[in-house]
Amino acid sequence: MDGFQTTEYGRRKHRTQKVAAGIFLCMTAVLVIPLLAIVGLLVVRGAPAISLTFLFSDPLSGMTAGGIFPAIVGTLWLVGVSLAIAAPIGVLAAVYLNEYAGDNWMTRIIHLAIVNLAGVPSIVHALFGVGAFVLFLNLGTSILSASLTLAIMTLPVIIASTKEALAAVPMAFREACWNVGASRWQTIWHVVLPNSIAGILTGVILQVSRAAGETAPIMFTGAAFFLPFLPRTVHDQCMALSMHLFTISTQVPNVPEAFPYGTALVLLGVVLLVNAASIAVRVRLRNRRKW
């Protein structure tokens, strides 16, 4: 019995698939190659500066020597406090919009406001933080003011990702709970949120990355060029890796060439470590999901 022969239509379809695969491969390379180039440049030029002294000592000689330990601690303060503020508010707002609010003019305005807030430049957030938190609420230039500014800036990402994660939970799960007498909040707390936690953590990961790397929002609200002490409360100022990188790259003369690259490499490493921890938690929770 003769085998099947490929028709001209089948060959043309196969060629189209190969062309499409090649285009997608090129698009992936366009995204990945610049990333690898940036990381490679930071490693090559920044690795000579990395040492225990660089990581765990204070800046010396007008920040032309010593290390970046206060900047690392300050970055962790800013990321942690802003996350503690933005994550609960963002998740609760998304729960309300997806589970309680109906489709009316008010919710449409809220969605439009969230989208517009995501597109506001960071320097505008910085000016808002100065006016609202530093001056109006009289919090002064502090970790709290800077973290509140970062929290407002990152809220749209958390709200949007959480809302998408909640919407991905099948409606049948909710209906099954309602049919056995569970209230709406019991359904959300015991069924919807546990099954959407992996998607919620995606927004949290993005929040951490952006909060750690922003300079403008913290420049006027809480970060300092140099401090001879570590922050103890949220009412203190702090150094930050992004601000320190900007300072030694543009404002301080005679800085060793490896210092800015080493600082950027440490900043990238801090972000990757926090993201890796969040991704590990997300994968673990996703593997426990039953659907």
Protein backbone atom coordinates (compact mmCIF):
# COMPACT_ATOMS: atom_id res chain seq x y z
CA MET A 1 0.00 0.00 0.00
CA ASP A 2 1.41 3.34 -1.04
CA GLY A 3 2.09 5.84 1.72
CA PHE A 4 0.58 9.26 1.91
CA GLN A 5 2.20 11.84 -0.33
CA THR A 6 2.62 15.46 0.71
CA THR A 7 0.53 17.79 -1.38
CA GLU A 8 1.57 21.23 -2.53
CA TYR A 9 -0.75 22.72 0.10
CA GLY A 10 0.92 20.66 2.83
CA ARG A 11 4.41 21.69 1.69
CA ARG A 12 3.36 25.34 1.58
CA LYS A 13 1.88 25.06 5.07
CA HIS A 14 5.07 23.45 6.35
CA ARG A 15 7.18 26.25 4.85
CA THR A 16 4.92 28.83 6.45
CA GLN A 17 5.36 27.18 9.84
CA LYS A 18 9.14 27.17 9.46
CA VAL A 19 9.15 30.85 8.50
CA ALA A 20 6.93 31.71 11.48
CA ALA A 21 9.19 29.72 13.82
CA GLY A 22 12.23 31.56 12.44
CA ILE A 23 10.55 34.94 12.97
CA PHE A 24 9.65 34.06 16.57
CA LEU A 25 13.22 32.85 17.16
CA CYS A 26 14.59 36.17 15.88
CA MET A 27 12.19 38.10 18.08
CA THR A 28 13.33 36.08 21.09
CA ALA A 29 16.97 36.72 20.21
CA VAL A 30 16.29 40.46 19.93
CA LEU A 31 15.02 40.37 23.51
CA VAL A 32 17.59 38.01 25.00
CA ILE A 33 20.83 39.14 23.34
CA PRO A 34 20.76 42.73 24.71
CA LEU A 35 20.02 41.35 28.18
CA LEU A 36 22.96 38.97 27.99
CA ALA A 37 25.16 41.78 26.69
CA ILE A 38 24.22 44.07 29.58
CA VAL A 39 24.77 41.37 32.20
CA GLY A 40 28.04 40.36 30.57
CA LEU A 41 29.29 43.95 30.56
CA LEU A 42 28.39 44.38 34.23
CA VAL A 43 30.11 41.14 35.19
CA VAL A 44 33.29 41.88 33.23
CA ARG A 45 33.67 45.46 34.44
CA GLY A 46 32.07 45.17 37.86
CA ALA A 47 33.49 41.88 39.12
CA PRO A 48 36.91 43.39 40.02
CA ALA A 49 35.15 45.68 42.52
CA ILE A 50 33.18 42.92 44.25
CA SER A 51 34.67 41.88 47.57
CA LEU A 52 33.63 41.48 51.19
CA THR A 53 34.96 44.97 51.89
CA PHE A 54 32.91 46.40 49.03
CA LEU A 55 29.74 44.64 50.19
CA PHE A 56 30.00 45.11 53.94
CA SER A 57 31.75 48.44 54.56
CA ASP A 58 30.71 52.10 54.41
CA PRO A 59 31.73 54.50 51.64
CA LEU A 60 34.99 56.30 52.38
CA SER A 61 36.95 59.26 51.01
CA GLY A 62 33.96 61.01 49.50
CA MET A 63 32.56 57.71 48.13
CA THR A 64 35.70 57.07 46.08
CA ALA A 65 36.67 54.14 48.32
CA GLY A 66 35.09 51.73 50.79
CA GLY A 67 31.88 49.88 50.09
CA ILE A 68 28.13 50.09 49.61
CA PHE A 69 26.71 48.34 52.65
CA PRO A 70 24.47 51.29 53.73
CA ALA A 71 23.03 51.44 50.21
CA ILE A 72 22.21 47.73 50.25
CA VAL A 73 20.48 48.03 53.63
CA GLY A 74 18.59 51.14 52.50
CA THR A 75 17.39 49.41 49.33
CA LEU A 76 16.05 46.49 51.36
CA TRP A 77 14.26 48.96 53.66
CA LEU A 78 12.61 50.75 50.72
CA VAL A 79 11.59 47.55 48.94
CA GLY A 80 10.28 45.91 52.12
CA VAL A 81 8.23 48.85 53.38
CA SER A 82 6.81 49.71 49.95
CA LEU A 83 5.87 46.05 49.43
CA ALA A 84 4.19 45.91 52.85
CA ILE A 85 2.09 48.94 51.84
CA ALA A 86 1.36 48.20 48.19
CA ALA A 87 0.69 44.44 48.28
CA PRO A 88 -2.30 44.38 50.70
CA ILE A 89 -3.91 47.48 49.16
CA GLY A 90 -3.38 46.21 45.62
CA VAL A 91 -4.71 42.72 46.33
CA LEU A 92 -7.78 44.01 48.21
CA ALA A 93 -8.52 46.52 45.46
CA ALA A 94 -8.30 43.78 42.84
CA VAL A 95 -10.58 41.53 44.92
CA TYR A 96 -13.18 44.27 45.11
CA LEU A 97 -13.00 45.06 41.38
CA ASN A 98 -13.17 41.42 40.28
CA GLU A 99 -15.43 39.82 42.90
CA TYR A 100 -17.74 42.57 44.18
CA ALA A 101 -17.94 45.54 41.83
CA GLY A 102 -20.32 45.39 38.91
CA ASP A 103 -19.75 46.68 35.39
CA ASN A 104 -20.88 50.30 35.71
CA TRP A 105 -19.56 53.79 35.08
CA MET A 106 -17.81 53.93 38.43
CA THR A 107 -15.76 50.77 37.93
CA ARG A 108 -14.93 51.84 34.37
CA ILE A 109 -13.56 55.12 35.73
CA ILE A 110 -11.53 53.18 38.32
CA HIS A 111 -10.06 50.93 35.61
CA LEU A 112 -9.21 53.98 33.50
CA ALA A 113 -7.53 55.61 36.50
CA ILE A 114 -5.44 52.48 37.14
CA VAL A 115 -4.30 52.37 33.51
CA ASN A 116 -3.43 56.06 33.52
CA LEU A 117 -1.59 55.75 36.84
CA ALA A 118 0.59 53.04 35.34
CA GLY A 119 1.67 55.44 32.59
CA VAL A 120 2.61 58.38 34.81
CA PRO A 121 6.38 59.11 34.65
CA SER A 122 8.33 58.34 37.80
CA ILE A 123 9.46 61.95 38.22
CA VAL A 124 5.78 62.99 38.48
CA HIS A 125 5.32 60.41 41.23
CA ALA A 126 8.35 61.94 42.94
CA LEU A 127 6.84 65.43 42.90
CA PHE A 128 3.55 64.02 44.18
CA GLY A 129 5.40 62.25 47.00
CA VAL A 130 7.11 65.48 48.00
CA GLY A 131 3.85 67.40 48.09
CA ALA A 132 1.64 64.73 49.65
CA PHE A 133 3.89 62.89 52.07
CA VAL A 134 6.91 65.06 52.79
CA LEU A 135 5.07 68.40 53.09
CA PHE A 136 1.32 67.86 53.52
CA LEU A 137 1.45 64.86 55.88
CA ASN A 138 4.66 66.25 57.40
CA LEU A 139 6.47 62.91 57.24
CA GLY A 140 9.66 64.61 56.14
CA THR A 141 12.28 63.07 53.89
CA SER A 142 12.22 59.54 55.23
CA ILE A 143 11.97 55.89 54.32
CA LEU A 144 8.22 56.08 54.94
CA SER A 145 7.72 58.95 52.48
CA ALA A 146 9.84 57.26 49.83
CA SER A 147 8.13 53.90 50.35
CA LEU A 148 4.65 55.43 50.11
CA THR A 149 5.67 57.07 46.83
CA LEU A 150 7.02 53.76 45.50
CA ALA A 151 3.87 51.97 46.66
CA ILE A 152 1.60 54.34 44.73
CA MET A 153 3.79 53.99 41.66
CA THR A 154 3.66 50.17 41.72
CA LEU A 155 0.01 49.73 42.73
CA PRO A 156 -1.32 49.52 39.13
CA VAL A 157 0.92 46.52 38.36
CA ILE A 158 -0.20 44.63 41.47
CA ILE A 159 -3.87 45.45 40.89
CA ALA A 160 -3.80 44.45 37.22
CA SER A 161 -1.91 41.17 37.75
CA THR A 162 -4.02 40.21 40.76
CA LYS A 163 -7.25 40.94 38.90
CA GLU A 164 -6.15 38.75 36.00
CA ALA A 165 -5.18 35.96 38.40
CA LEU A 166 -8.57 36.14 40.15
CA ALA A 167 -10.42 36.14 36.83
CA ALA A 168 -8.53 32.99 35.77
CA VAL A 169 -10.10 30.95 38.60
CA PRO A 170 -13.05 29.06 37.05
CA MET A 171 -16.49 30.34 37.99
CA ALA A 172 -17.49 26.74 38.70
CA PHE A 173 -15.30 26.86 41.82
CA ARG A 174 -17.26 29.81 43.16
CA GLU A 175 -20.63 28.29 42.26
CA ALA A 176 -19.75 25.03 44.01
CA CYS A 177 -18.95 26.92 47.22
CA TRP A 178 -22.10 29.02 47.00
CA ASN A 179 -24.20 25.88 46.50
CA VAL A 180 -23.00 24.42 49.81
CA GLY A 181 -23.82 27.63 51.69
CA ALA A 182 -20.48 29.45 51.76
CA SER A 183 -20.60 33.23 51.76
CA ARG A 184 -18.93 35.30 49.09
CA TRP A 185 -16.01 36.22 51.37
CA GLN A 186 -15.55 32.60 52.52
CA THR A 187 -15.39 31.57 48.87
CA ILE A 188 -12.82 34.25 48.10
CA TRP A 189 -10.68 33.49 51.15
CA HIS A 190 -10.69 29.69 51.00
CA VAL A 191 -10.98 29.02 47.26
CA VAL A 192 -10.32 31.97 44.97
CA LEU A 193 -7.23 33.45 46.63
CA PRO A 194 -5.41 30.11 47.21
CA ASN A 195 -5.92 29.19 43.56
CA SER A 196 -4.72 32.58 42.28
CA ILE A 197 -1.76 33.17 44.59
CA ALA A 198 0.77 32.24 41.90
CA GLY A 199 -0.53 34.97 39.60
CA ILE A 200 -0.66 37.46 42.47
CA LEU A 201 3.02 36.84 43.18
CA THR A 202 3.79 37.79 39.58
CA GLY A 203 2.68 41.35 40.31
CA VAL A 204 4.64 41.33 43.54
CA ILE A 205 7.79 40.27 41.68
CA LEU A 206 7.38 43.14 39.23
CA GLN A 207 6.81 45.52 42.15
CA VAL A 208 10.04 44.45 43.80
CA SER A 209 12.05 44.92 40.60
CA ARG A 210 10.69 48.38 39.92
CA ALA A 211 10.91 49.59 43.52
CA ALA A 212 14.55 48.51 43.79
CA GLY A 213 15.60 50.19 40.57
CA GLU A 214 13.81 53.54 40.74
CA THR A 215 15.80 56.68 41.48
CA ALA A 216 13.57 59.70 40.85
CA PRO A 217 10.76 58.83 43.33
CA ILE A 218 13.20 58.37 46.21
CA MET A 219 15.59 61.18 45.33
CA PHE A 220 13.32 63.88 46.75
CA THR A 221 11.43 61.86 49.35
CA GLY A 222 13.82 59.75 51.37
CA ALA A 223 17.16 58.84 49.81
CA ALA A 224 20.38 60.62 50.74
CA PHE A 225 23.69 60.93 48.91
CA PHE A 226 25.61 59.75 51.97
CA LEU A 227 24.73 58.85 55.55
CA PRO A 228 27.23 57.85 58.25
CA PHE A 229 24.69 55.54 59.92
CA LEU A 230 22.21 52.79 59.08
CA PRO A 231 18.48 53.55 59.30
CA ARG A 232 16.74 52.28 62.41
CA THR A 233 13.12 53.29 61.81
CA VAL A 234 10.97 54.27 58.85
CA HIS A 235 11.34 57.91 59.87
CA ASP A 236 15.05 57.93 59.06
CA GLN A 237 16.60 58.67 55.70
CA CYS A 238 18.62 56.02 53.94
CA MET A 239 21.01 55.43 51.09
CA ALA A 240 19.86 53.34 48.14
CA LEU A 241 21.74 51.42 45.48
CA SER A 242 20.05 53.19 42.57
CA MET A 243 20.68 56.61 44.10
CA HIS A 244 24.26 55.69 45.01
CA LEU A 245 24.89 54.50 41.46
CA PHE A 246 23.58 57.79 40.06
CA THR A 247 25.69 59.78 42.52
CA ILE A 248 29.04 58.09 41.92
CA SER A 249 28.45 58.02 38.16
CA THR A 250 27.59 61.70 37.73
CA GLN A 251 28.39 63.72 40.85
CA VAL A 252 31.60 62.34 42.37
CA PRO A 253 34.96 62.79 40.62
CA ASN A 254 37.84 60.31 40.71
CA VAL A 255 35.67 57.28 41.37
CA PRO A 256 37.40 54.01 40.37
CA GLU A 257 36.03 52.78 37.06
CA ALA A 258 34.88 49.45 38.52
CA PHE A 259 32.82 51.01 41.32
CA PRO A 260 29.75 52.07 39.28
CA TYR A 261 29.67 48.75 37.44
CA GLY A 262 30.12 46.86 40.70
CA THR A 263 27.26 48.81 42.28
CA ALA A 264 25.03 48.08 39.28
CA LEU A 265 25.97 44.40 39.48
CA VAL A 266 25.05 44.27 43.17
CA LEU A 267 21.75 46.03 42.47
CA LEU A 268 20.98 43.50 39.76
CA GLY A 269 21.94 40.69 42.11
CA VAL A 270 19.69 41.95 44.91
CA VAL A 271 16.75 42.19 42.51
CA LEU A 272 17.43 38.72 41.11
CA LEU A 273 17.72 37.17 44.57
CA VAL A 274 14.42 38.66 45.74
CA ASN A 275 12.77 37.68 42.46
CA ALA A 276 14.18 34.17 42.66
CA ALA A 277 12.73 33.72 46.14
CA SER A 278 9.33 34.96 44.94
CA ILE A 279 9.46 32.71 41.87
CA ALA A 280 10.34 29.69 44.02
CA VAL A 281 7.32 30.36 46.24
CA ARG A 282 5.13 30.85 43.17
CA VAL A 283 6.27 27.58 41.58
CA ARG A 284 5.70 25.70 44.83
CA LEU A 285 2.20 27.09 45.18
CA ARG A 286 1.41 26.46 41.52
CA ASN A 287 2.43 22.82 41.85
CA ARG A 288 -0.01 22.44 44.74
CA ARG A 289 -2.89 23.76 42.63
CA LYS A 290 -5.48 21.15 41.79
CA TRP A 291 -6.44 22.45 38.33
